Amino acid sequence: MANSKRFFAVTLRVIATLTVVAIAVLLGWFAWQHYVYAPWTRDARVQANVVNIAPEVSGTVGRVAVNDDSYVHKGDLLFAIEPVRFENAVAEAKAALEQALAQESFATRNARRLERLPRGGISTQDLQQAESEAASAAASVSQAEARLAQAKQDLDWATVRSPVDGYVTHLLLDEGDYATQGQSMMTLVNADTFRVTAYFEETKLSHIDVGDPVDIDLMASPEPLHGHVASIGRGIAVANNAPGERNLPNVDPVFQWVRLAQRVPVTIAFDSRPDMRVLTVGLSATVHVRPEEAERHQPVSTTDERDMVPAAPKLERARAEGLAEPIDTPVTRGAGG
């Protein structure tokens, strides 16, 4: 009897141990499958379009109208370059235009006067010379008008305004600085372009599709955000594609037996505009794609949309081709109708 109880206790302990081990192995397998294949990642960053503000003209900055990290609307004044030089250029261009108009008027009147002289009163060469001077004066007027338009444009460009709604970031510009044409003097973060870029391992891409709903957890905010997959990257850099000597491919001779899965950028758009206080370019995020919900909300159709052509257009097309004639046919129903 004692041996029987001892055997039963040992058997029970073995079964319990094997059960615990089996459960642990099963849980580990599920965890591994979730880690490797489930469409989630902690490697995600908040992104937005960054606009570099560069003036179209050079000059001394006379006014800076914004502060660092301030919000600006499209069209708001950012900074202004001292306008004196450009105002003088406009005045000079106006004077040059008036002079060109006066010369054109004189040359045109002179050419018309010579044309009215009787034949033989002036040589053909003199008449052609007068007409050429009139045409040249007209061209000078066009040039003067173009210079005046450019001078006015330069004066307008001396006032730099925001091209987007966004935030001023890392402002270093100050009054008295010299702004150089085409050189970035200020940076704006476009507030309408905030998004999340998640870097998924290639083993998880088969479970992700455009339009799939996404849960977004920002490290900077306890409240979860919601979005959807907007696009999936179609290319990443390959080290072996770098050209070497004589433009030949530079292939690494060392091949690692343990191959790491490549990461592909996936762009995630917010479903609704989130609280801007928690959004900053570069913030870390964790994203979970929920493809099963996207599949559940997709309508199921057993008919190909290409075959769903209304009958009326088909009949009208047949009549136009002479393949059908309108007739009155009585409708009859069968016994089961």
C-alpha atoms as a PDB file:
ATOM      1  CA  MET A   1       0.000   0.000   0.000  1.00  0.00           C
ATOM      2  CA  ALA A   2       2.825   2.374   0.855  1.00  0.00           C
ATOM      3  CA  ASN A   3       4.580   1.571  -2.406  1.00  0.00           C
ATOM      4  CA  SER A   4       1.393   2.297  -4.312  1.00  0.00           C
ATOM      5  CA  LYS A   5       1.021   5.694  -2.652  1.00  0.00           C
ATOM      6  CA  ARG A   6       4.662   6.508  -3.292  1.00  0.00           C
ATOM      7  CA  PHE A   7       4.295   5.553  -6.964  1.00  0.00           C
ATOM      8  CA  PHE A   8       1.158   7.663  -7.265  1.00  0.00           C
ATOM      9  CA  ALA A   9       2.908  10.690  -5.715  1.00  0.00           C
ATOM     10  CA  VAL A  10       5.922  10.351  -8.007  1.00  0.00           C
ATOM     11  CA  THR A  11       3.682   9.973 -11.041  1.00  0.00           C
ATOM     12  CA  LEU A  12       1.678  13.030 -10.025  1.00  0.00           C
ATOM     13  CA  ARG A  13       4.835  15.098  -9.607  1.00  0.00           C
ATOM     14  CA  VAL A  14       6.120  13.986 -13.012  1.00  0.00           C
ATOM     15  CA  ILE A  15       2.810  14.799 -14.686  1.00  0.00           C
ATOM     16  CA  ALA A  16       2.681  18.196 -12.975  1.00  0.00           C
ATOM     17  CA  THR A  17       6.254  18.946 -13.993  1.00  0.00           C
ATOM     18  CA  LEU A  18       5.643  17.917 -17.590  1.00  0.00           C
ATOM     19  CA  THR A  19       2.438  19.969 -17.657  1.00  0.00           C
ATOM     20  CA  VAL A  20       4.226  23.076 -16.393  1.00  0.00           C
ATOM     21  CA  VAL A  21       7.049  22.562 -18.894  1.00  0.00           C
ATOM     22  CA  ALA A  22       4.563  22.067 -21.737  1.00  0.00           C
ATOM     23  CA  ILE A  23       2.656  25.211 -20.782  1.00  0.00           C
ATOM     24  CA  ALA A  24       5.919  27.169 -20.550  1.00  0.00           C
ATOM     25  CA  VAL A  25       7.049  25.890 -23.953  1.00  0.00           C
ATOM     26  CA  LEU A  26       3.660  26.710 -25.458  1.00  0.00           C
ATOM     27  CA  LEU A  27       3.653  30.209 -23.992  1.00  0.00           C
ATOM     28  CA  GLY A  28       7.218  30.726 -25.157  1.00  0.00           C
ATOM     29  CA  TRP A  29       6.300  29.593 -28.653  1.00  0.00           C
ATOM     30  CA  PHE A  30       3.343  31.981 -28.773  1.00  0.00           C
ATOM     31  CA  ALA A  31       5.525  34.806 -27.446  1.00  0.00           C
ATOM     32  CA  TRP A  32       8.171  34.077 -30.065  1.00  0.00           C
ATOM     33  CA  GLN A  33       5.594  33.963 -32.855  1.00  0.00           C
ATOM     34  CA  HIS A  34       4.130  37.254 -31.655  1.00  0.00           C
ATOM     35  CA  TYR A  35       7.559  38.851 -31.427  1.00  0.00           C
ATOM     36  CA  VAL A  36       8.674  37.682 -34.861  1.00  0.00           C
ATOM     37  CA  TYR A  37       5.509  37.911 -36.944  1.00  0.00           C
ATOM     38  CA  ALA A  38       2.966  40.132 -35.155  1.00  0.00           C
ATOM     39  CA  PRO A  39       2.792  43.577 -36.828  1.00  0.00           C
ATOM     40  CA  TRP A  40       4.057  45.744 -33.986  1.00  0.00           C
ATOM     41  CA  THR A  41       7.283  47.585 -33.313  1.00  0.00           C
ATOM     42  CA  ARG A  42       8.860  49.899 -30.767  1.00  0.00           C
ATOM     43  CA  ASP A  43      11.113  51.401 -33.417  1.00  0.00           C
ATOM     44  CA  ALA A  44       8.907  54.308 -34.491  1.00  0.00           C
ATOM     45  CA  ARG A  45       9.401  58.064 -34.640  1.00  0.00           C
ATOM     46  CA  VAL A  46       7.158  61.082 -35.014  1.00  0.00           C
ATOM     47  CA  GLN A  47       7.946  62.891 -38.264  1.00  0.00           C
ATOM     48  CA  ALA A  48       6.806  66.054 -40.051  1.00  0.00           C
ATOM     49  CA  ASN A  49       7.836  68.135 -43.038  1.00  0.00           C
ATOM     50  CA  VAL A  50      10.564  70.618 -42.102  1.00  0.00           C
ATOM     51  CA  VAL A  51      10.629  73.829 -44.152  1.00  0.00           C
ATOM     52  CA  ASN A  52      13.885  75.764 -44.427  1.00  0.00           C
ATOM     53  CA  ILE A  53      13.173  79.471 -44.881  1.00  0.00           C
ATOM     54  CA  ALA A  54      15.701  81.159 -47.160  1.00  0.00           C
ATOM     55  CA  PRO A  55      15.320  84.729 -48.486  1.00  0.00           C
ATOM     56  CA  GLU A  56      15.190  85.456 -52.204  1.00  0.00           C
ATOM     57  CA  VAL A  57      17.375  88.561 -51.693  1.00  0.00           C
ATOM     58  CA  SER A  58      20.385  89.374 -49.539  1.00  0.00           C
ATOM     59  CA  GLY A  59      20.564  92.131 -46.954  1.00  0.00           C
ATOM     60  CA  THR A  60      20.698  93.098 -43.305  1.00  0.00           C
ATOM     61  CA  VAL A  61      17.854  91.793 -41.162  1.00  0.00           C
ATOM     62  CA  GLY A  62      15.966  94.760 -39.757  1.00  0.00           C
ATOM     63  CA  ARG A  63      13.226  92.917 -37.894  1.00  0.00           C
ATOM     64  CA  VAL A  64      12.510  89.434 -36.568  1.00  0.00           C
ATOM     65  CA  ALA A  65       8.765  89.088 -35.971  1.00  0.00           C
ATOM     66  CA  VAL A  66       8.634  85.624 -34.336  1.00  0.00           C
ATOM     67  CA  ASN A  67      10.000  83.866 -31.289  1.00  0.00           C
ATOM     68  CA  ASP A  68      11.526  80.435 -30.958  1.00  0.00           C
ATOM     69  CA  ASP A  69       8.942  77.602 -30.765  1.00  0.00           C
ATOM     70  CA  SER A  70       6.087  80.001 -31.594  1.00  0.00           C
ATOM     71  CA  TYR A  71       3.176  79.011 -33.847  1.00  0.00           C
ATOM     72  CA  VAL A  72       2.723  80.910 -37.107  1.00  0.00           C
ATOM     73  CA  HIS A  73      -0.006  80.865 -39.722  1.00  0.00           C
ATOM     74  CA  LYS A  74       0.544  80.812 -43.445  1.00  0.00           C
ATOM     75  CA  GLY A  75       1.284  84.368 -44.577  1.00  0.00           C
ATOM     76  CA  ASP A  76       2.485  85.649 -41.190  1.00  0.00           C
ATOM     77  CA  LEU A  77       5.589  87.845 -41.169  1.00  0.00           C
ATOM     78  CA  LEU A  78       8.746  85.980 -40.159  1.00  0.00           C
ATOM     79  CA  PHE A  79      11.476  88.563 -40.675  1.00  0.00           C
ATOM     80  CA  ALA A  80      12.205  91.593 -42.818  1.00  0.00           C
ATOM     81  CA  ILE A  81      15.361  92.766 -44.550  1.00  0.00           C
ATOM     82  CA  GLU A  82      16.213  96.483 -44.535  1.00  0.00           C
ATOM     83  CA  PRO A  83      14.220  97.821 -47.524  1.00  0.00           C
ATOM     84  CA  VAL A  84      16.145 101.047 -48.277  1.00  0.00           C
ATOM     85  CA  ARG A  85      18.307  99.541 -51.013  1.00  0.00           C
ATOM     86  CA  PHE A  86      15.316  97.941 -52.703  1.00  0.00           C
ATOM     87  CA  GLU A  87      13.202 101.105 -52.453  1.00  0.00           C
ATOM     88  CA  ASN A  88      16.009 103.036 -54.134  1.00  0.00           C
ATOM     89  CA  ALA A  89      16.175 100.385 -56.852  1.00  0.00           C
ATOM     90  CA  VAL A  90      12.435 100.802 -57.484  1.00  0.00           C
ATOM     91  CA  ALA A  91      12.791 104.584 -57.735  1.00  0.00           C
ATOM     92  CA  GLU A  92      15.738 104.213 -60.114  1.00  0.00           C
ATOM     93  CA  ALA A  93      13.812 101.732 -62.259  1.00  0.00           C
ATOM     94  CA  LYS A  94      10.836 104.103 -62.444  1.00  0.00           C
ATOM     95  CA  ALA A  95      13.084 106.946 -63.591  1.00  0.00           C
ATOM     96  CA  ALA A  96      14.700 104.700 -66.199  1.00  0.00           C
ATOM     97  CA  LEU A  97      11.250 103.708 -67.470  1.00  0.00           C
ATOM     98  CA  GLU A  98      10.166 107.333 -67.793  1.00  0.00           C
ATOM     99  CA  GLN A  99      13.349 108.093 -69.736  1.00  0.00           C
ATOM    100  CA  ALA A 100      12.787 105.124 -72.023  1.00  0.00           C
ATOM    101  CA  LEU A 101       9.180 106.202 -72.633  1.00  0.00           C
ATOM    102  CA  ALA A 102      10.330 109.694 -73.556  1.00  0.00           C
ATOM    103  CA  GLN A 103      12.923 108.334 -75.984  1.00  0.00           C
ATOM    104  CA  GLU A 104      10.350 106.004 -77.505  1.00  0.00           C
ATOM    105  CA  SER A 105       7.880 108.849 -77.976  1.00  0.00           C
ATOM    106  CA  PHE A 106      10.504 111.007 -79.698  1.00  0.00           C
ATOM    107  CA  ALA A 107      11.752 108.184 -81.935  1.00  0.00           C
ATOM    108  CA  THR A 108       8.195 107.193 -82.914  1.00  0.00           C
ATOM    109  CA  ARG A 109       7.182 110.770 -83.783  1.00  0.00           C
ATOM    110  CA  ASN A 110      10.381 111.246 -85.782  1.00  0.00           C
ATOM    111  CA  ALA A 111       9.799 108.056 -87.774  1.00  0.00           C
ATOM    112  CA  ARG A 112       6.193 109.028 -88.547  1.00  0.00           C
ATOM    113  CA  ARG A 113       7.280 112.527 -89.612  1.00  0.00           C
ATOM    114  CA  LEU A 114       9.809 111.125 -92.044  1.00  0.00           C
ATOM    115  CA  GLU A 115       7.229 108.693 -93.426  1.00  0.00           C
ATOM    116  CA  ARG A 116       4.933 111.622 -94.307  1.00  0.00           C
ATOM    117  CA  LEU A 117       7.602 113.427 -96.345  1.00  0.00           C
ATOM    118  CA  PRO A 118       7.148 113.320-100.132  1.00  0.00           C
ATOM    119  CA  ARG A 119       8.982 110.642-102.055  1.00  0.00           C
ATOM    120  CA  GLY A 120      12.494 111.822-102.757  1.00  0.00           C
ATOM    121  CA  GLY A 121      12.511 114.226 -99.811  1.00  0.00           C
ATOM    122  CA  ILE A 122      14.445 111.701 -97.698  1.00  0.00           C
ATOM    123  CA  SER A 123      16.601 108.764 -98.519  1.00  0.00           C
ATOM    124  CA  THR A 124      15.479 105.217 -97.876  1.00  0.00           C
ATOM    125  CA  GLN A 125      18.438 104.682 -95.582  1.00  0.00           C
ATOM    126  CA  ASP A 126      17.451 107.615 -93.348  1.00  0.00           C
ATOM    127  CA  LEU A 127      13.872 106.341 -93.144  1.00  0.00           C
ATOM    128  CA  GLN A 128      15.015 102.850 -92.212  1.00  0.00           C
ATOM    129  CA  GLN A 129      17.364 104.317 -89.618  1.00  0.00           C
ATOM    130  CA  ALA A 130      14.501 106.247 -88.018  1.00  0.00           C
ATOM    131  CA  GLU A 131      12.267 103.177 -87.952  1.00  0.00           C
ATOM    132  CA  SER A 132      15.099 101.143 -86.393  1.00  0.00           C
ATOM    133  CA  GLU A 133      15.580 103.763 -83.693  1.00  0.00           C
ATOM    134  CA  ALA A 134      11.839 103.687 -82.940  1.00  0.00           C
ATOM    135  CA  ALA A 135      11.890  99.905 -82.627  1.00  0.00           C
ATOM    136  CA  SER A 136      14.991 100.063 -80.423  1.00  0.00           C
ATOM    137  CA  ALA A 137      13.316 102.651 -78.207  1.00  0.00           C
ATOM    138  CA  ALA A 138      10.264 100.378 -77.833  1.00  0.00           C
ATOM    139  CA  ALA A 139      12.541  97.506 -76.819  1.00  0.00           C
ATOM    140  CA  SER A 140      14.225  99.766 -74.273  1.00  0.00           C
ATOM    141  CA  VAL A 141      10.810 100.493 -72.782  1.00  0.00           C
ATOM    142  CA  SER A 142      10.156  96.766 -72.406  1.00  0.00           C
ATOM    143  CA  GLN A 143      13.515  96.293 -70.699  1.00  0.00           C
ATOM    144  CA  ALA A 144      12.826  99.199 -68.345  1.00  0.00           C
ATOM    145  CA  GLU A 145       9.418  97.753 -67.468  1.00  0.00           C
ATOM    146  CA  ALA A 146      11.025  94.381 -66.714  1.00  0.00           C
ATOM    147  CA  ARG A 147      13.659  96.024 -64.498  1.00  0.00           C
ATOM    148  CA  LEU A 148      10.946  97.917 -62.624  1.00  0.00           C
ATOM    149  CA  ALA A 149       8.943  94.726 -62.124  1.00  0.00           C
ATOM    150  CA  GLN A 150      12.050  92.942 -60.812  1.00  0.00           C
ATOM    151  CA  ALA A 151      12.859  95.846 -58.483  1.00  0.00           C
ATOM    152  CA  LYS A 152       9.327  95.734 -57.068  1.00  0.00           C
ATOM    153  CA  GLN A 153       9.612  91.968 -56.671  1.00  0.00           C
ATOM    154  CA  ASP A 154      12.914  92.323 -54.800  1.00  0.00           C
ATOM    155  CA  LEU A 155      11.279  94.881 -52.504  1.00  0.00           C
ATOM    156  CA  ASP A 156       8.438  92.456 -51.841  1.00  0.00           C
ATOM    157  CA  TRP A 157      10.908  89.603 -51.246  1.00  0.00           C
ATOM    158  CA  ALA A 158      12.621  91.710 -48.569  1.00  0.00           C
ATOM    159  CA  THR A 159       9.622  90.812 -46.396  1.00  0.00           C
ATOM    160  CA  VAL A 160       9.750  87.070 -45.675  1.00  0.00           C
ATOM    161  CA  ARG A 161       6.452  85.396 -44.736  1.00  0.00           C
ATOM    162  CA  SER A 162       5.552  81.903 -43.620  1.00  0.00           C
ATOM    163  CA  PRO A 163       4.593  79.535 -46.459  1.00  0.00           C
ATOM    164  CA  VAL A 164       2.824  77.067 -44.111  1.00  0.00           C
ATOM    165  CA  ASP A 165       1.069  76.756 -40.776  1.00  0.00           C
ATOM    166  CA  GLY A 166       3.656  75.514 -38.346  1.00  0.00           C
ATOM    167  CA  TYR A 167       6.121  76.024 -35.534  1.00  0.00           C
ATOM    168  CA  VAL A 168       9.345  78.024 -35.526  1.00  0.00           C
ATOM    169  CA  THR A 169      12.121  75.796 -34.258  1.00  0.00           C
ATOM    170  CA  HIS A 170      15.756  76.368 -33.304  1.00  0.00           C
ATOM    171  CA  LEU A 171      15.591  80.096 -34.044  1.00  0.00           C
ATOM    172  CA  LEU A 172      19.064  81.646 -34.230  1.00  0.00           C
ATOM    173  CA  LEU A 173      18.281  84.660 -36.425  1.00  0.00           C
ATOM    174  CA  ASP A 174      18.527  88.088 -34.801  1.00  0.00           C
ATOM    175  CA  GLU A 175      18.212  91.689 -35.896  1.00  0.00           C
ATOM    176  CA  GLY A 176      21.401  92.916 -37.515  1.00  0.00           C
ATOM    177  CA  ASP A 177      22.342  89.537 -38.985  1.00  0.00           C
ATOM    178  CA  TYR A 178      23.125  89.472 -42.680  1.00  0.00           C
ATOM    179  CA  ALA A 179      20.746  87.264 -44.620  1.00  0.00           C
ATOM    180  CA  THR A 180      22.202  85.663 -47.730  1.00  0.00           C
ATOM    181  CA  GLN A 181      20.083  84.839 -50.753  1.00  0.00           C
ATOM    182  CA  GLY A 182      19.230  81.141 -50.894  1.00  0.00           C
ATOM    183  CA  GLN A 183      20.731  80.350 -47.473  1.00  0.00           C
ATOM    184  CA  SER A 184      18.427  78.957 -44.776  1.00  0.00           C
ATOM    185  CA  MET A 185      17.869  81.501 -42.018  1.00  0.00           C
ATOM    186  CA  MET A 186      14.913  79.932 -40.190  1.00  0.00           C
ATOM    187  CA  THR A 187      13.256  76.534 -39.808  1.00  0.00           C
ATOM    188  CA  LEU A 188       9.542  75.739 -39.617  1.00  0.00           C
ATOM    189  CA  VAL A 189       7.855  72.447 -38.750  1.00  0.00           C
ATOM    190  CA  ASN A 190       4.710  72.070 -40.860  1.00  0.00           C
ATOM    191  CA  ALA A 191       1.903  71.435 -38.369  1.00  0.00           C
ATOM    192  CA  ASP A 192      -0.313  69.793 -40.991  1.00  0.00           C
ATOM    193  CA  THR A 193       2.142  67.003 -41.825  1.00  0.00           C
ATOM    194  CA  PHE A 194       2.720  65.247 -38.495  1.00  0.00           C
ATOM    195  CA  ARG A 195       2.855  61.483 -38.920  1.00  0.00           C
ATOM    196  CA  VAL A 196       4.582  58.421 -37.506  1.00  0.00           C
ATOM    197  CA  THR A 197       7.261  56.489 -39.360  1.00  0.00           C
ATOM    198  CA  ALA A 198       7.572  52.935 -38.038  1.00  0.00           C
ATOM    199  CA  TYR A 199      10.442  50.655 -39.027  1.00  0.00           C
ATOM    200  CA  PHE A 200       9.033  47.126 -39.291  1.00  0.00           C
ATOM    201  CA  GLU A 201      11.088  43.992 -39.742  1.00  0.00           C
ATOM    202  CA  GLU A 202      10.626  42.396 -43.134  1.00  0.00           C
ATOM    203  CA  THR A 203       9.112  39.280 -41.531  1.00  0.00           C
ATOM    204  CA  LYS A 204       6.111  41.368 -40.449  1.00  0.00           C
ATOM    205  CA  LEU A 205       5.366  43.144 -43.732  1.00  0.00           C
ATOM    206  CA  SER A 206       3.143  40.330 -45.011  1.00  0.00           C
ATOM    207  CA  HIS A 207       0.694  41.142 -42.200  1.00  0.00           C
ATOM    208  CA  ILE A 208       0.535  44.873 -43.020  1.00  0.00           C
ATOM    209  CA  ASP A 209      -1.489  46.565 -45.732  1.00  0.00           C
ATOM    210  CA  VAL A 210      -2.359  50.155 -46.591  1.00  0.00           C
ATOM    211  CA  GLY A 211      -5.423  51.260 -44.654  1.00  0.00           C
ATOM    212  CA  ASP A 212      -4.943  48.922 -41.687  1.00  0.00           C
ATOM    213  CA  PRO A 213      -5.858  50.588 -38.356  1.00  0.00           C
ATOM    214  CA  VAL A 214      -2.976  51.306 -36.002  1.00  0.00           C
ATOM    215  CA  ASP A 215      -2.705  51.975 -32.264  1.00  0.00           C
ATOM    216  CA  ILE A 216       0.021  54.506 -31.451  1.00  0.00           C
ATOM    217  CA  ASP A 217       1.570  54.818 -27.994  1.00  0.00           C
ATOM    218  CA  LEU A 218       3.861  57.809 -27.587  1.00  0.00           C
ATOM    219  CA  MET A 219       6.463  57.683 -24.868  1.00  0.00           C
ATOM    220  CA  ALA A 220       5.661  61.357 -24.191  1.00  0.00           C
ATOM    221  CA  SER A 221       1.926  60.820 -23.663  1.00  0.00           C
ATOM    222  CA  PRO A 222      -0.052  58.282 -21.606  1.00  0.00           C
ATOM    223  CA  GLU A 223      -3.069  58.548 -23.903  1.00  0.00           C
ATOM    224  CA  PRO A 224      -3.063  56.233 -26.937  1.00  0.00           C
ATOM    225  CA  LEU A 225      -3.543  57.684 -30.401  1.00  0.00           C
ATOM    226  CA  HIS A 226      -5.121  56.082 -33.425  1.00  0.00           C
ATOM    227  CA  GLY A 227      -4.138  56.117 -37.074  1.00  0.00           C
ATOM    228  CA  HIS A 228      -3.890  53.989 -40.179  1.00  0.00           C
ATOM    229  CA  VAL A 229      -1.185  52.736 -42.510  1.00  0.00           C
ATOM    230  CA  ALA A 230      -0.720  55.399 -45.190  1.00  0.00           C
ATOM    231  CA  SER A 231       2.123  53.850 -47.191  1.00  0.00           C
ATOM    232  CA  ILE A 232       4.809  51.180 -47.104  1.00  0.00           C
ATOM    233  CA  GLY A 233       8.363  51.955 -48.133  1.00  0.00           C
ATOM    234  CA  ARG A 234       9.536  50.432 -51.403  1.00  0.00           C
ATOM    235  CA  GLY A 235      13.279  50.721 -51.013  1.00  0.00           C
ATOM    236  CA  ILE A 236      16.092  50.755 -48.457  1.00  0.00           C
ATOM    237  CA  ALA A 237      19.823  51.222 -48.901  1.00  0.00           C
ATOM    238  CA  VAL A 238      21.959  48.161 -49.676  1.00  0.00           C
ATOM    239  CA  ALA A 239      25.598  48.282 -48.614  1.00  0.00           C
ATOM    240  CA  ASN A 240      26.776  46.067 -51.498  1.00  0.00           C
ATOM    241  CA  ASN A 241      25.360  48.537 -54.011  1.00  0.00           C
ATOM    242  CA  ALA A 242      27.978  51.146 -53.159  1.00  0.00           C
ATOM    243  CA  PRO A 243      30.290  51.604 -56.169  1.00  0.00           C
ATOM    244  CA  GLY A 244      33.934  50.743 -55.695  1.00  0.00           C
ATOM    245  CA  GLU A 245      37.028  51.063 -57.894  1.00  0.00           C
ATOM    246  CA  ARG A 246      36.209  51.701 -61.574  1.00  0.00           C
ATOM    247  CA  ASN A 247      32.556  51.971 -60.555  1.00  0.00           C
ATOM    248  CA  LEU A 248      32.368  48.217 -59.906  1.00  0.00           C
ATOM    249  CA  PRO A 249      30.117  46.909 -57.113  1.00  0.00           C
ATOM    250  CA  ASN A 250      31.853  46.802 -53.748  1.00  0.00           C
ATOM    251  CA  VAL A 251      30.723  43.412 -52.387  1.00  0.00           C
ATOM    252  CA  ASP A 252      31.583  42.526 -48.791  1.00  0.00           C
ATOM    253  CA  PRO A 253      33.378  39.119 -48.842  1.00  0.00           C
ATOM    254  CA  VAL A 254      32.225  38.342 -45.296  1.00  0.00           C
ATOM    255  CA  PHE A 255      28.782  36.708 -45.069  1.00  0.00           C
ATOM    256  CA  GLN A 256      27.151  36.422 -41.675  1.00  0.00           C
ATOM    257  CA  TRP A 257      25.453  33.113 -40.973  1.00  0.00           C
ATOM    258  CA  VAL A 258      23.054  34.878 -38.619  1.00  0.00           C
ATOM    259  CA  ARG A 259      21.050  37.145 -40.884  1.00  0.00           C
ATOM    260  CA  LEU A 260      19.167  39.985 -39.248  1.00  0.00           C
ATOM    261  CA  ALA A 261      15.802  40.940 -40.691  1.00  0.00           C
ATOM    262  CA  GLN A 262      15.928  44.217 -42.571  1.00  0.00           C
ATOM    263  CA  ARG A 263      13.697  47.046 -41.417  1.00  0.00           C
ATOM    264  CA  VAL A 264      11.383  48.858 -43.831  1.00  0.00           C
ATOM    265  CA  PRO A 265       9.786  52.263 -43.117  1.00  0.00           C
ATOM    266  CA  VAL A 266       5.996  52.314 -42.888  1.00  0.00           C
ATOM    267  CA  THR A 267       4.221  55.680 -42.782  1.00  0.00           C
ATOM    268  CA  ILE A 268       1.273  55.958 -40.392  1.00  0.00           C
ATOM    269  CA  ALA A 269      -1.190  58.852 -40.626  1.00  0.00           C
ATOM    270  CA  PHE A 270      -3.293  60.034 -37.696  1.00  0.00           C
ATOM    271  CA  ASP A 271      -7.040  59.465 -38.006  1.00  0.00           C
ATOM    272  CA  SER A 272      -7.699  62.848 -36.394  1.00  0.00           C
ATOM    273  CA  ARG A 273      -5.438  65.736 -35.551  1.00  0.00           C
ATOM    274  CA  PRO A 274      -3.962  64.961 -32.114  1.00  0.00           C
ATOM    275  CA  ASP A 275      -3.124  67.381 -29.352  1.00  0.00           C
ATOM    276  CA  MET A 276      -0.196  69.375 -30.719  1.00  0.00           C
ATOM    277  CA  ARG A 277       1.277  69.688 -27.230  1.00  0.00           C
ATOM    278  CA  VAL A 278       2.409  66.057 -27.336  1.00  0.00           C
ATOM    279  CA  LEU A 279       3.788  66.076 -30.886  1.00  0.00           C
ATOM    280  CA  THR A 280       7.410  66.860 -31.567  1.00  0.00           C
ATOM    281  CA  VAL A 281       9.505  65.638 -34.454  1.00  0.00           C
ATOM    282  CA  GLY A 282      11.701  62.764 -33.310  1.00  0.00           C
ATOM    283  CA  LEU A 283       9.571  61.475 -30.414  1.00  0.00           C
ATOM    284  CA  SER A 284       9.631  57.728 -29.786  1.00  0.00           C
ATOM    285  CA  ALA A 285       6.503  55.635 -30.292  1.00  0.00           C
ATOM    286  CA  THR A 286       5.268  52.058 -30.172  1.00  0.00           C
ATOM    287  CA  VAL A 287       2.774  51.039 -32.846  1.00  0.00           C
ATOM    288  CA  HIS A 288       0.470  48.037 -33.137  1.00  0.00           C
ATOM    289  CA  VAL A 289      -1.158  47.317 -36.498  1.00  0.00           C
ATOM    290  CA  ARG A 290      -4.573  45.623 -36.307  1.00  0.00           C
ATOM    291  CA  PRO A 291      -5.090  43.957 -39.700  1.00  0.00           C
ATOM    292  CA  GLU A 292      -7.860  41.713 -38.346  1.00  0.00           C
ATOM    293  CA  GLU A 293     -10.106  44.750 -37.781  1.00  0.00           C
ATOM    294  CA  ALA A 294      -9.463  46.026 -41.294  1.00  0.00           C
ATOM    295  CA  GLU A 295     -10.496  42.632 -42.709  1.00  0.00           C
ATOM    296  CA  ARG A 296     -13.612  42.550 -40.534  1.00  0.00           C
ATOM    297  CA  HIS A 297     -14.787  45.941 -41.789  1.00  0.00           C
ATOM    298  CA  GLN A 298     -14.189  45.221 -45.468  1.00  0.00           C
ATOM    299  CA  PRO A 299     -17.414  44.466 -47.388  1.00  0.00           C
ATOM    300  CA  VAL A 300     -17.653  40.951 -48.813  1.00  0.00           C
ATOM    301  CA  SER A 301     -18.820  40.754 -52.413  1.00  0.00           C
ATOM    302  CA  THR A 302     -19.256  37.633 -54.532  1.00  0.00           C
ATOM    303  CA  THR A 303     -19.658  39.546 -57.791  1.00  0.00           C
ATOM    304  CA  ASP A 304     -16.831  41.072 -59.749  1.00  0.00           C
ATOM    305  CA  GLU A 305     -17.298  44.837 -60.034  1.00  0.00           C
ATOM    306  CA  ARG A 306     -16.287  44.665 -63.684  1.00  0.00           C
ATOM    307  CA  ASP A 307     -19.356  42.490 -64.364  1.00  0.00           C
ATOM    308  CA  MET A 308     -21.734  44.814 -62.545  1.00  0.00           C
ATOM    309  CA  VAL A 309     -22.743  46.848 -65.621  1.00  0.00           C
ATOM    310  CA  PRO A 310     -26.276  48.253 -65.540  1.00  0.00           C
ATOM    311  CA  ALA A 311     -28.673  46.652 -68.019  1.00  0.00           C
ATOM    312  CA  ALA A 312     -29.974  49.960 -69.372  1.00  0.00           C
ATOM    313  CA  PRO A 313     -26.621  51.122 -70.855  1.00  0.00           C
ATOM    314  CA  LYS A 314     -26.172  47.672 -72.426  1.00  0.00           C
ATOM    315  CA  LEU A 315     -29.611  47.911 -74.082  1.00  0.00           C
ATOM    316  CA  GLU A 316     -29.010  51.464 -75.303  1.00  0.00           C
ATOM    317  CA  ARG A 317     -25.645  50.432 -76.763  1.00  0.00           C
ATOM    318  CA  ALA A 318     -27.275  47.455 -78.516  1.00  0.00           C
ATOM    319  CA  ARG A 319     -29.989  49.674 -79.978  1.00  0.00           C
ATOM    320  CA  ALA A 320     -27.397  52.136 -81.245  1.00  0.00           C
ATOM    321  CA  GLU A 321     -25.575  49.305 -83.007  1.00  0.00           C
ATOM    322  CA  GLY A 322     -28.819  48.001 -84.527  1.00  0.00           C
ATOM    323  CA  LEU A 323     -28.689  44.782 -82.542  1.00  0.00           C
ATOM    324  CA  ALA A 324     -31.902  45.340 -80.601  1.00  0.00           C
ATOM    325  CA  GLU A 325     -35.282  46.956 -81.160  1.00  0.00           C
ATOM    326  CA  PRO A 326     -37.695  48.131 -78.508  1.00  0.00           C
ATOM    327  CA  ILE A 327     -40.655  45.737 -78.368  1.00  0.00           C
ATOM    328  CA  ASP A 328     -43.544  45.301 -76.004  1.00  0.00           C
ATOM    329  CA  THR A 329     -43.381  41.816 -74.558  1.00  0.00           C
ATOM    330  CA  PRO A 330     -45.929  40.617 -72.003  1.00  0.00           C
ATOM    331  CA  VAL A 331     -44.441  39.335 -68.793  1.00  0.00           C
ATOM    332  CA  THR A 332     -45.513  35.844 -67.715  1.00  0.00           C
ATOM    333  CA  ARG A 333     -44.706  34.047 -64.529  1.00  0.00           C
ATOM    334  CA  GLY A 334     -44.296  30.376 -63.971  1.00  0.00           C
ATOM    335  CA  ALA A 335     -46.176  28.331 -61.469  1.00  0.00           C
ATOM    336  CA  GLY A 336     -43.630  29.104 -58.816  1.00  0.00           C
ATOM    337  CA  GLY A 337     -43.593  32.849 -59.592  1.00  0.00           C
END
